Amino acid sequence: MKASEFIGMKVLDKETNEVGKIAEISLKLKKCLVENIYVSTGGALNKKYFTILNEDIAEIGDYVLLKLSKIGVEGKILSDKIEEVALPESLFKDIVGKVVIAQKGMEVGQIEDMFIDPKGCLIHNVIISTGGTFNKKRLMISDEDIQDIGDYIILKLTKEEVEIKIQDTEE
């Protein structure tokens, strides 16, 4: 499942009461882990956030079903802002759009999305968009291809290895 599709899914407690929507996920990209899942609850003027973990999730289909009851959900720590509970630069929204660089400083593209298994808390592949508007291509990389993460994402791959991966993705 793409992370961008997971964010926005409705969340139900174990009695099938709607308790909110997936608002954001925090990631450990280098370790390919979904660290936390943040759920928003309430209306536009009184929105609150709480965190769910892997062990809180019963199933994921068209909805995210929790193992928690309504009382269990209410017992979760609520915050007015995700940024109050998340580590800086770990949120999905902060990672999307980061520039990806191959070895020798060659720009490859930008992070567009990622395939995740939210129940298993895993990131399977990171999707990088390359090229311009009319010749846009996508490349998938794994954690093994990432050398370093900061303001940019640096790959262990050369520009030539990236081009081979793009060709393999197209086929």
C-alpha atoms as a PDB file:
ATOM      1  CA  MET A   1       0.000   0.000   0.000  1.00  0.00           C
ATOM      2  CA  LYS A   2       1.248   3.489  -0.790  1.00  0.00           C
ATOM      3  CA  ALA A   3       1.773   5.740   2.215  1.00  0.00           C
ATOM      4  CA  SER A   4      -0.173   8.495   0.450  1.00  0.00           C
ATOM      5  CA  GLU A   5      -3.193   6.145   0.206  1.00  0.00           C
ATOM      6  CA  PHE A   6      -2.908   5.048   3.849  1.00  0.00           C
ATOM      7  CA  ILE A   7      -2.975   8.630   5.101  1.00  0.00           C
ATOM      8  CA  GLY A   8      -6.611   9.683   5.185  1.00  0.00           C
ATOM      9  CA  MET A   9      -8.076   6.217   5.876  1.00  0.00           C
ATOM     10  CA  LYS A  10     -10.875   6.084   8.449  1.00  0.00           C
ATOM     11  CA  VAL A  11     -10.035   4.470  11.793  1.00  0.00           C
ATOM     12  CA  LEU A  12     -12.551   2.348  13.707  1.00  0.00           C
ATOM     13  CA  ASP A  13     -12.342   1.065  17.287  1.00  0.00           C
ATOM     14  CA  LYS A  14     -13.053  -2.594  18.064  1.00  0.00           C
ATOM     15  CA  GLU A  15     -16.780  -1.843  18.435  1.00  0.00           C
ATOM     16  CA  THR A  16     -16.664  -0.364  14.881  1.00  0.00           C
ATOM     17  CA  ASN A  17     -17.169   3.222  16.013  1.00  0.00           C
ATOM     18  CA  GLU A  18     -15.349   5.744  13.838  1.00  0.00           C
ATOM     19  CA  VAL A  19     -12.662   7.366  15.998  1.00  0.00           C
ATOM     20  CA  GLY A  20     -10.798   9.403  13.397  1.00  0.00           C
ATOM     21  CA  LYS A  21      -8.629   9.305  10.287  1.00  0.00           C
ATOM     22  CA  ILE A  22      -4.976   8.529   9.695  1.00  0.00           C
ATOM     23  CA  ALA A  23      -3.405  12.000   9.720  1.00  0.00           C
ATOM     24  CA  GLU A  24       0.297  11.225   9.347  1.00  0.00           C
ATOM     25  CA  ILE A  25       3.003   8.629   9.869  1.00  0.00           C
ATOM     26  CA  SER A  26       6.489   9.067  11.248  1.00  0.00           C
ATOM     27  CA  LEU A  27       9.280   7.099   9.641  1.00  0.00           C
ATOM     28  CA  LYS A  28      12.766   5.807  10.200  1.00  0.00           C
ATOM     29  CA  LEU A  29      13.661   5.803   6.519  1.00  0.00           C
ATOM     30  CA  LYS A  30      17.194   4.455   6.933  1.00  0.00           C
ATOM     31  CA  LYS A  31      15.830   1.418   8.822  1.00  0.00           C
ATOM     32  CA  CYS A  32      12.726   1.137   6.600  1.00  0.00           C
ATOM     33  CA  LEU A  33      10.370   1.381   9.565  1.00  0.00           C
ATOM     34  CA  VAL A  34       7.058   3.097  10.149  1.00  0.00           C
ATOM     35  CA  GLU A  35       7.667   4.337  13.676  1.00  0.00           C
ATOM     36  CA  ASN A  36       4.290   5.817  14.662  1.00  0.00           C
ATOM     37  CA  ILE A  37       0.873   6.311  13.128  1.00  0.00           C
ATOM     38  CA  TYR A  38      -1.003   9.480  14.059  1.00  0.00           C
ATOM     39  CA  VAL A  39      -4.799   9.609  14.046  1.00  0.00           C
ATOM     40  CA  SER A  40      -6.774  12.849  13.975  1.00  0.00           C
ATOM     41  CA  THR A  41     -10.057  13.043  15.812  1.00  0.00           C
ATOM     42  CA  GLY A  42     -12.599  15.813  16.269  1.00  0.00           C
ATOM     43  CA  GLY A  43     -13.703  18.612  13.964  1.00  0.00           C
ATOM     44  CA  ALA A  44     -11.770  21.343  12.220  1.00  0.00           C
ATOM     45  CA  LEU A  45     -11.903  23.680  15.225  1.00  0.00           C
ATOM     46  CA  ASN A  46     -11.142  21.118  17.945  1.00  0.00           C
ATOM     47  CA  LYS A  47      -8.896  18.617  16.168  1.00  0.00           C
ATOM     48  CA  LYS A  48      -6.765  16.403  18.408  1.00  0.00           C
ATOM     49  CA  TYR A  49      -4.200  13.736  17.560  1.00  0.00           C
ATOM     50  CA  PHE A  50      -3.268  10.453  19.171  1.00  0.00           C
ATOM     51  CA  THR A  51      -0.688   7.818  18.376  1.00  0.00           C
ATOM     52  CA  ILE A  52      -1.327   4.187  17.540  1.00  0.00           C
ATOM     53  CA  LEU A  53       1.316   1.509  17.314  1.00  0.00           C
ATOM     54  CA  ASN A  54       1.580  -1.757  15.428  1.00  0.00           C
ATOM     55  CA  GLU A  55       0.124  -3.705  18.354  1.00  0.00           C
ATOM     56  CA  ASP A  56      -3.002  -1.459  18.391  1.00  0.00           C
ATOM     57  CA  ILE A  57      -3.993  -2.471  14.828  1.00  0.00           C
ATOM     58  CA  ALA A  58      -6.286  -5.482  14.321  1.00  0.00           C
ATOM     59  CA  GLU A  59      -6.722  -5.263  10.531  1.00  0.00           C
ATOM     60  CA  ILE A  60      -6.249  -2.921   7.592  1.00  0.00           C
ATOM     61  CA  GLY A  61      -8.590  -3.072   4.615  1.00  0.00           C
ATOM     62  CA  ASP A  62     -10.788  -0.240   3.435  1.00  0.00           C
ATOM     63  CA  TYR A  63     -10.655   0.922   7.070  1.00  0.00           C
ATOM     64  CA  VAL A  64      -8.101   0.655   9.854  1.00  0.00           C
ATOM     65  CA  LEU A  65      -9.612  -1.530  12.578  1.00  0.00           C
ATOM     66  CA  LEU A  66      -8.124  -1.139  16.040  1.00  0.00           C
ATOM     67  CA  LYS A  67      -7.909  -3.638  18.874  1.00  0.00           C
ATOM     68  CA  LEU A  68      -8.774  -0.753  21.217  1.00  0.00           C
ATOM     69  CA  SER A  69     -12.203   0.015  22.647  1.00  0.00           C
ATOM     70  CA  LYS A  70     -13.576   3.539  22.752  1.00  0.00           C
ATOM     71  CA  ILE A  71     -12.240   3.860  26.311  1.00  0.00           C
ATOM     72  CA  GLY A  72      -8.822   2.608  25.149  1.00  0.00           C
ATOM     73  CA  VAL A  73      -8.746   5.211  22.400  1.00  0.00           C
ATOM     74  CA  GLU A  74      -9.770   7.958  24.822  1.00  0.00           C
ATOM     75  CA  GLY A  75      -6.889   6.885  27.092  1.00  0.00           C
ATOM     76  CA  LYS A  76      -4.309   7.565  24.401  1.00  0.00           C
ATOM     77  CA  ILE A  77      -2.271  10.742  24.782  1.00  0.00           C
ATOM     78  CA  LEU A  78      -3.970  13.527  22.837  1.00  0.00           C
ATOM     79  CA  SER A  79      -2.165  16.511  21.423  1.00  0.00           C
ATOM     80  CA  ASP A  80      -3.262  19.593  19.497  1.00  0.00           C
ATOM     81  CA  LYS A  81      -0.379  19.242  17.022  1.00  0.00           C
ATOM     82  CA  ILE A  82       1.407  16.230  15.560  1.00  0.00           C
ATOM     83  CA  GLU A  83       4.673  18.144  15.753  1.00  0.00           C
ATOM     84  CA  GLU A  84       4.414  18.114  19.568  1.00  0.00           C
ATOM     85  CA  VAL A  85       4.793  14.323  19.672  1.00  0.00           C
ATOM     86  CA  ALA A  86       6.756  13.493  16.492  1.00  0.00           C
ATOM     87  CA  LEU A  87      10.486  13.704  15.984  1.00  0.00           C
ATOM     88  CA  PRO A  88      11.508  16.556  13.670  1.00  0.00           C
ATOM     89  CA  GLU A  89      11.995  15.550  10.028  1.00  0.00           C
ATOM     90  CA  SER A  90      10.468  12.089  10.611  1.00  0.00           C
ATOM     91  CA  LEU A  91       6.989  12.781   9.239  1.00  0.00           C
ATOM     92  CA  PHE A  92       5.993  11.491   5.807  1.00  0.00           C
ATOM     93  CA  LYS A  93       5.107  15.040   4.711  1.00  0.00           C
ATOM     94  CA  ASP A  94       8.674  16.162   5.559  1.00  0.00           C
ATOM     95  CA  ILE A  95      10.264  13.373   3.524  1.00  0.00           C
ATOM     96  CA  VAL A  96       8.133  13.709   0.373  1.00  0.00           C
ATOM     97  CA  GLY A  97       9.837  16.119  -1.997  1.00  0.00           C
ATOM     98  CA  LYS A  98      13.354  15.623  -0.596  1.00  0.00           C
ATOM     99  CA  VAL A  99      15.977  15.677  -3.326  1.00  0.00           C
ATOM    100  CA  VAL A 100      17.719  12.363  -3.988  1.00  0.00           C
ATOM    101  CA  ILE A 101      21.363  12.385  -5.037  1.00  0.00           C
ATOM    102  CA  ALA A 102      23.448   9.567  -6.540  1.00  0.00           C
ATOM    103  CA  GLN A 103      27.170   9.124  -5.935  1.00  0.00           C
ATOM    104  CA  LYS A 104      29.391  11.971  -7.151  1.00  0.00           C
ATOM    105  CA  GLY A 105      26.646  14.502  -6.430  1.00  0.00           C
ATOM    106  CA  MET A 106      24.399  13.776  -9.398  1.00  0.00           C
ATOM    107  CA  GLU A 107      20.738  14.665  -8.742  1.00  0.00           C
ATOM    108  CA  VAL A 108      18.392  11.743  -9.391  1.00  0.00           C
ATOM    109  CA  GLY A 109      14.985  13.184  -8.532  1.00  0.00           C
ATOM    110  CA  GLN A 110      12.687  13.635  -5.542  1.00  0.00           C
ATOM    111  CA  ILE A 111      10.896  11.323  -3.131  1.00  0.00           C
ATOM    112  CA  GLU A 112       7.320  10.978  -4.353  1.00  0.00           C
ATOM    113  CA  ASP A 113       5.825   8.219  -2.190  1.00  0.00           C
ATOM    114  CA  MET A 114       6.623   4.864  -0.621  1.00  0.00           C
ATOM    115  CA  PHE A 115       5.152   1.398  -0.353  1.00  0.00           C
ATOM    116  CA  ILE A 116       4.487   0.533   3.275  1.00  0.00           C
ATOM    117  CA  ASP A 117       3.032  -2.241   5.390  1.00  0.00           C
ATOM    118  CA  PRO A 118       1.525  -0.176   8.224  1.00  0.00           C
ATOM    119  CA  LYS A 119       0.475  -3.242  10.219  1.00  0.00           C
ATOM    120  CA  GLY A 120       3.990  -4.650  10.081  1.00  0.00           C
ATOM    121  CA  CYS A 121       5.496  -1.159  10.441  1.00  0.00           C
ATOM    122  CA  LEU A 122       7.689  -1.663   7.373  1.00  0.00           C
ATOM    123  CA  ILE A 123       8.645   0.461   4.398  1.00  0.00           C
ATOM    124  CA  HIS A 124       9.117  -1.816   1.397  1.00  0.00           C
ATOM    125  CA  ASN A 125      10.279   0.637  -1.269  1.00  0.00           C
ATOM    126  CA  VAL A 126      10.719   4.372  -1.697  1.00  0.00           C
ATOM    127  CA  ILE A 127       9.377   5.822  -4.957  1.00  0.00           C
ATOM    128  CA  ILE A 128      11.518   8.515  -6.575  1.00  0.00           C
ATOM    129  CA  SER A 129      10.227  10.591  -9.485  1.00  0.00           C
ATOM    130  CA  THR A 130      12.822  11.563 -12.060  1.00  0.00           C
ATOM    131  CA  GLY A 131      12.731  13.666 -15.199  1.00  0.00           C
ATOM    132  CA  GLY A 132      10.595  16.610 -16.195  1.00  0.00           C
ATOM    133  CA  THR A 133       6.879  17.065 -16.691  1.00  0.00           C
ATOM    134  CA  PHE A 134       6.662  15.293 -20.047  1.00  0.00           C
ATOM    135  CA  ASN A 135       9.262  12.568 -19.485  1.00  0.00           C
ATOM    136  CA  LYS A 136       8.588  11.747 -15.823  1.00  0.00           C
ATOM    137  CA  LYS A 137       9.757   8.313 -14.745  1.00  0.00           C
ATOM    138  CA  ARG A 138       9.654   6.533 -11.433  1.00  0.00           C
ATOM    139  CA  LEU A 139      12.327   4.566  -9.659  1.00  0.00           C
ATOM    140  CA  MET A 140      11.935   2.305  -6.627  1.00  0.00           C
ATOM    141  CA  ILE A 141      14.745   1.927  -4.121  1.00  0.00           C
ATOM    142  CA  SER A 142      15.128  -0.020  -0.891  1.00  0.00           C
ATOM    143  CA  ASP A 143      16.885   0.850   2.352  1.00  0.00           C
ATOM    144  CA  GLU A 144      19.976  -0.960   1.049  1.00  0.00           C
ATOM    145  CA  ASP A 145      20.326   1.696  -1.671  1.00  0.00           C
ATOM    146  CA  ILE A 146      20.384   4.593   0.840  1.00  0.00           C
ATOM    147  CA  GLN A 147      23.734   5.819   2.103  1.00  0.00           C
ATOM    148  CA  ASP A 148      22.732   8.860   4.150  1.00  0.00           C
ATOM    149  CA  ILE A 149      19.720  11.015   5.000  1.00  0.00           C
ATOM    150  CA  GLY A 150      19.788  14.680   5.934  1.00  0.00           C
ATOM    151  CA  ASP A 151      18.599  17.678   3.976  1.00  0.00           C
ATOM    152  CA  TYR A 152      19.068  15.384   0.966  1.00  0.00           C
ATOM    153  CA  ILE A 153      18.945  11.630   0.471  1.00  0.00           C
ATOM    154  CA  ILE A 154      22.223  10.240  -0.810  1.00  0.00           C
ATOM    155  CA  LEU A 155      22.205   6.882  -2.541  1.00  0.00           C
ATOM    156  CA  LYS A 156      24.953   4.272  -2.654  1.00  0.00           C
ATOM    157  CA  LEU A 157      24.238   4.028  -6.378  1.00  0.00           C
ATOM    158  CA  THR A 158      26.025   5.720  -9.266  1.00  0.00           C
ATOM    159  CA  LYS A 159      24.062   7.646 -11.902  1.00  0.00           C
ATOM    160  CA  GLU A 160      24.529   4.678 -14.276  1.00  0.00           C
ATOM    161  CA  GLU A 161      23.130   2.203 -11.710  1.00  0.00           C
ATOM    162  CA  VAL A 162      20.151   4.507 -11.195  1.00  0.00           C
ATOM    163  CA  GLU A 163      19.486   4.601 -14.956  1.00  0.00           C
ATOM    164  CA  ILE A 164      19.559   0.780 -15.066  1.00  0.00           C
ATOM    165  CA  LYS A 165      17.039   0.625 -12.185  1.00  0.00           C
ATOM    166  CA  ILE A 166      14.772   3.093 -14.036  1.00  0.00           C
ATOM    167  CA  GLN A 167      14.890   0.903 -17.147  1.00  0.00           C
ATOM    168  CA  ASP A 168      14.115  -2.206 -15.049  1.00  0.00           C
ATOM    169  CA  THR A 169      11.117  -0.398 -13.475  1.00  0.00           C
ATOM    170  CA  GLU A 170       9.721   0.498 -16.914  1.00  0.00           C
ATOM    171  CA  GLU A 171       9.820  -3.086 -18.192  1.00  0.00           C
END
